[in-house]
């Protein structure tokens, strides 16, 4: 399932945007994003995927948090947010 999520997310990558993300997140030695990898995926696409895959387990979401790609980790946080809101309002 996780490979499917990552593969689907990668389809939304925009390589021409990567340099913008790297500049904003300070991807340089000693910078905030030092060592991060970006695919250039826009947040609306990540939120759409989070809604689609919100039924994955918390453990699977935590596993996504260990991914080297920044947007995959952000996707995991969006999924966890949806799970929290669903639980808090039920």
N, C-alpha and C. Protein backbone atom coordinates (compact mmCIF):
# COMPACT_ATOMS: atom_id res chain seq x y z
N UNK A 1 0.82 -1.19 0.00
CA UNK A 1 0.00 0.00 0.00
C UNK A 1 0.87 1.26 0.00
N UNK A 2 1.92 1.27 0.82
CA UNK A 2 2.76 2.46 0.90
C UNK A 2 3.46 2.73 -0.42
N UNK A 3 3.91 1.67 -1.09
CA UNK A 3 4.55 1.86 -2.39
C UNK A 3 3.56 2.47 -3.39
N UNK A 4 2.30 2.06 -3.30
CA UNK A 4 1.27 2.61 -4.18
C UNK A 4 1.06 4.10 -3.90
N UNK A 5 1.02 4.47 -2.63
CA UNK A 5 0.84 5.87 -2.24
C UNK A 5 2.02 6.71 -2.77
N UNK A 6 3.22 6.22 -2.54
CA UNK A 6 4.42 6.95 -2.98
C UNK A 6 4.45 7.07 -4.49
N UNK A 7 4.13 5.99 -5.17
CA UNK A 7 4.12 6.00 -6.63
C UNK A 7 3.08 6.99 -7.16
N UNK A 8 1.91 7.00 -6.56
CA UNK A 8 0.87 7.94 -7.00
C UNK A 8 1.27 9.38 -6.72
N UNK A 9 1.89 9.61 -5.59
CA UNK A 9 2.34 10.96 -5.25
C UNK A 9 3.38 11.44 -6.25
N UNK A 10 4.28 10.56 -6.64
CA UNK A 10 5.35 10.93 -7.55
C UNK A 10 4.81 11.38 -8.91
N UNK A 11 3.64 10.91 -9.28
CA UNK A 11 3.03 11.32 -10.55
C UNK A 11 2.70 12.82 -10.55
N UNK A 12 2.57 13.42 -9.37
CA UNK A 12 2.26 14.84 -9.27
C UNK A 12 3.53 15.70 -9.18
N UNK A 13 4.69 15.07 -9.28
CA UNK A 13 5.93 15.84 -9.15
C UNK A 13 6.07 16.82 -10.31
N UNK A 14 6.63 17.97 -9.98
CA UNK A 14 6.91 19.00 -10.97
C UNK A 14 8.38 19.39 -10.80
N UNK A 15 9.27 18.70 -11.53
CA UNK A 15 10.71 18.94 -11.36
C UNK A 15 11.12 20.40 -11.51
N UNK A 16 10.38 21.16 -12.31
CA UNK A 16 10.72 22.56 -12.50
C UNK A 16 10.46 23.41 -11.25
N UNK A 17 9.73 22.88 -10.28
CA UNK A 17 9.44 23.60 -9.04
C UNK A 17 10.41 23.26 -7.91
N UNK A 18 11.19 22.21 -8.10
CA UNK A 18 12.08 21.74 -7.04
C UNK A 18 13.01 22.84 -6.55
N UNK A 19 13.59 23.59 -7.46
CA UNK A 19 14.53 24.64 -7.03
C UNK A 19 13.85 25.70 -6.16
N UNK A 20 12.58 25.98 -6.42
CA UNK A 20 11.84 26.93 -5.58
C UNK A 20 11.69 26.40 -4.15
N UNK A 21 11.32 25.13 -4.06
CA UNK A 21 11.15 24.51 -2.74
C UNK A 21 12.47 24.44 -1.99
N UNK A 22 13.53 24.10 -2.72
CA UNK A 22 14.84 24.00 -2.08
C UNK A 22 15.30 25.36 -1.57
N UNK A 23 15.02 26.40 -2.32
CA UNK A 23 15.40 27.74 -1.87
C UNK A 23 14.59 28.15 -0.64
N UNK A 24 13.28 27.93 -0.68
CA UNK A 24 12.42 28.29 0.44
C UNK A 24 12.78 27.51 1.70
N UNK A 25 13.06 26.22 1.55
CA UNK A 25 13.34 25.37 2.71
C UNK A 25 14.83 25.36 3.08
N UNK A 26 15.60 26.21 2.44
CA UNK A 26 17.02 26.37 2.75
C UNK A 26 17.78 25.04 2.70
N UNK A 27 17.70 24.39 1.55
CA UNK A 27 18.41 23.13 1.36
C UNK A 27 19.86 23.44 1.01
N UNK A 28 20.65 23.55 2.05
CA UNK A 28 22.09 23.80 1.93
C UNK A 28 22.73 23.36 3.24
N UNK A 29 24.00 23.12 3.25
CA UNK A 29 24.65 22.73 4.50
C UNK A 29 24.37 23.74 5.61
N UNK A 30 23.85 23.26 6.71
CA UNK A 30 23.52 24.11 7.84
C UNK A 30 22.15 24.76 7.74
N UNK A 31 21.47 24.63 6.60
CA UNK A 31 20.15 25.22 6.41
C UNK A 31 19.07 24.35 7.02
N UNK A 32 17.87 24.92 7.10
CA UNK A 32 16.73 24.22 7.69
C UNK A 32 16.46 22.88 6.99
N UNK A 33 16.55 22.89 5.68
CA UNK A 33 16.24 21.68 4.91
C UNK A 33 17.45 20.90 4.48
N UNK A 34 18.56 21.08 5.18
CA UNK A 34 19.79 20.37 4.83
C UNK A 34 19.53 18.87 4.74
N UNK A 35 19.79 18.29 3.57
CA UNK A 35 19.62 16.86 3.38
C UNK A 35 18.25 16.45 2.86
N UNK A 36 17.30 17.39 2.79
CA UNK A 36 15.97 17.06 2.29
C UNK A 36 15.99 16.84 0.78
N UNK A 37 15.09 15.98 0.32
CA UNK A 37 14.87 15.74 -1.10
C UNK A 37 13.46 16.21 -1.43
N UNK A 38 13.30 16.90 -2.55
CA UNK A 38 12.00 17.42 -2.96
C UNK A 38 11.64 16.88 -4.34
N UNK A 39 10.34 16.68 -4.54
CA UNK A 39 9.82 16.29 -5.84
C UNK A 39 9.05 17.43 -6.51
N UNK A 40 8.76 18.48 -5.79
CA UNK A 40 8.02 19.60 -6.36
C UNK A 40 6.53 19.35 -6.44
N UNK A 41 5.97 18.64 -5.46
CA UNK A 41 4.53 18.35 -5.45
C UNK A 41 3.81 19.48 -4.71
N UNK A 42 2.76 19.99 -5.31
CA UNK A 42 1.99 21.08 -4.71
C UNK A 42 1.09 20.55 -3.58
N UNK A 43 0.90 21.39 -2.57
CA UNK A 43 0.10 20.98 -1.41
C UNK A 43 -1.33 20.55 -1.74
N UNK A 44 -2.05 21.23 -2.65
CA UNK A 44 -3.40 20.74 -2.95
C UNK A 44 -3.42 19.29 -3.42
N UNK A 45 -2.41 18.89 -4.18
CA UNK A 45 -2.32 17.49 -4.62
C UNK A 45 -2.05 16.56 -3.45
N UNK A 46 -1.20 17.00 -2.53
CA UNK A 46 -0.93 16.19 -1.34
C UNK A 46 -2.17 16.05 -0.47
N UNK A 47 -2.93 17.12 -0.33
CA UNK A 47 -4.17 17.06 0.47
C UNK A 47 -5.20 16.14 -0.18
N UNK A 48 -5.27 16.15 -1.51
CA UNK A 48 -6.18 15.26 -2.22
C UNK A 48 -5.79 13.80 -1.96
N UNK A 49 -4.49 13.52 -2.03
CA UNK A 49 -4.02 12.16 -1.75
C UNK A 49 -4.27 11.77 -0.30
N UNK A 50 -4.12 12.71 0.61
CA UNK A 50 -4.37 12.43 2.03
C UNK A 50 -5.82 12.00 2.23
N UNK A 51 -6.74 12.68 1.57
CA UNK A 51 -8.16 12.30 1.68
C UNK A 51 -8.39 10.91 1.11
N UNK A 52 -7.71 10.61 0.01
CA UNK A 52 -7.88 9.31 -0.64
C UNK A 52 -7.35 8.18 0.25
N UNK A 53 -6.24 8.43 0.94
CA UNK A 53 -5.57 7.37 1.71
C UNK A 53 -5.70 7.56 3.23
N UNK A 54 -6.71 8.29 3.67
CA UNK A 54 -6.86 8.55 5.10
C UNK A 54 -7.19 7.29 5.91
N UNK A 55 -7.51 6.21 5.23
CA UNK A 55 -7.85 4.98 5.94
C UNK A 55 -6.64 4.09 6.24
N UNK A 56 -5.44 4.51 5.82
CA UNK A 56 -4.28 3.69 6.17
C UNK A 56 -4.10 3.74 7.69
N UNK A 57 -3.38 2.79 8.21
CA UNK A 57 -3.18 2.74 9.65
C UNK A 57 -2.23 3.84 10.11
N UNK A 58 -2.30 4.15 11.37
CA UNK A 58 -1.39 5.14 11.96
C UNK A 58 0.05 4.66 11.80
N UNK A 59 0.26 3.37 11.96
CA UNK A 59 1.61 2.81 11.80
C UNK A 59 2.13 3.04 10.39
N UNK A 60 1.26 2.87 9.40
CA UNK A 60 1.67 3.10 8.01
C UNK A 60 1.99 4.59 7.79
N UNK A 61 1.18 5.46 8.38
CA UNK A 61 1.45 6.90 8.26
C UNK A 61 2.79 7.23 8.90
N UNK A 62 3.07 6.63 10.06
CA UNK A 62 4.36 6.86 10.70
C UNK A 62 5.51 6.36 9.83
N UNK A 63 5.27 5.26 9.11
CA UNK A 63 6.31 4.75 8.22
C UNK A 63 6.57 5.75 7.08
N UNK A 64 5.51 6.39 6.58
CA UNK A 64 5.69 7.42 5.56
C UNK A 64 6.51 8.59 6.10
N UNK A 65 6.40 8.84 7.40
CA UNK A 65 7.16 9.93 8.01
C UNK A 65 8.67 9.71 7.96
N UNK A 66 9.09 8.49 7.72
CA UNK A 66 10.53 8.19 7.66
C UNK A 66 11.09 8.31 6.24
N UNK A 67 10.23 8.64 5.27
CA UNK A 67 10.66 8.73 3.89
C UNK A 67 11.63 9.89 3.70
N UNK A 68 12.57 9.74 2.78
CA UNK A 68 13.57 10.79 2.54
C UNK A 68 13.00 11.99 1.79
N UNK A 69 11.84 11.81 1.14
CA UNK A 69 11.24 12.88 0.34
C UNK A 69 10.34 13.75 1.22
N UNK A 70 10.60 15.04 1.20
CA UNK A 70 9.87 16.00 2.03
C UNK A 70 8.35 15.91 1.83
N UNK A 71 7.91 15.86 0.57
CA UNK A 71 6.47 15.85 0.30
C UNK A 71 5.79 14.58 0.79
N UNK A 72 6.50 13.47 0.82
CA UNK A 72 5.91 12.23 1.35
C UNK A 72 5.71 12.35 2.86
N UNK A 73 6.68 12.96 3.53
CA UNK A 73 6.53 13.19 4.97
C UNK A 73 5.38 14.15 5.25
N UNK A 74 5.24 15.18 4.41
CA UNK A 74 4.14 16.12 4.57
C UNK A 74 2.80 15.42 4.31
N UNK A 75 2.75 14.56 3.32
CA UNK A 75 1.55 13.77 3.06
C UNK A 75 1.17 12.95 4.29
N UNK A 76 2.15 12.35 4.93
CA UNK A 76 1.89 11.57 6.15
C UNK A 76 1.27 12.46 7.23
N UNK A 77 1.78 13.67 7.37
CA UNK A 77 1.22 14.60 8.38
C UNK A 77 -0.20 15.00 8.03
N UNK A 78 -0.49 15.20 6.74
CA UNK A 78 -1.86 15.53 6.33
C UNK A 78 -2.80 14.36 6.64
N UNK A 79 -2.34 13.14 6.43
CA UNK A 79 -3.16 11.96 6.74
C UNK A 79 -3.41 11.88 8.24
N UNK A 80 -2.37 12.07 9.03
CA UNK A 80 -2.53 12.03 10.49
C UNK A 80 -3.46 13.13 10.98
N UNK A 81 -3.40 14.29 10.35
CA UNK A 81 -4.31 15.38 10.70
C UNK A 81 -5.76 14.98 10.45
N UNK A 82 -6.02 14.37 9.30
CA UNK A 82 -7.38 13.92 8.99
C UNK A 82 -7.86 12.87 9.99
N UNK A 83 -6.97 11.97 10.37
CA UNK A 83 -7.33 10.95 11.35
C UNK A 83 -7.67 11.60 12.70
N UNK A 84 -6.89 12.58 13.10
CA UNK A 84 -7.12 13.25 14.37
C UNK A 84 -8.46 13.98 14.35
N UNK A 85 -8.73 14.72 13.30
CA UNK A 85 -9.98 15.48 13.20
C UNK A 85 -11.17 14.52 13.20
N UNK A 86 -11.06 13.42 12.47
CA UNK A 86 -12.16 12.44 12.43
C UNK A 86 -12.41 11.85 13.81
N UNK A 87 -11.34 11.56 14.53
CA UNK A 87 -11.48 10.98 15.86
C UNK A 87 -12.04 12.00 16.86
N UNK A 88 -11.57 13.25 16.75
CA UNK A 88 -12.00 14.30 17.68
C UNK A 88 -13.45 14.68 17.49
N UNK A 89 -13.98 14.53 16.28
CA UNK A 89 -15.36 14.92 16.03
C UNK A 89 -16.34 13.76 16.10
N UNK A 90 -15.84 12.56 16.39
CA UNK A 90 -16.74 11.42 16.46
C UNK A 90 -17.21 11.15 17.87
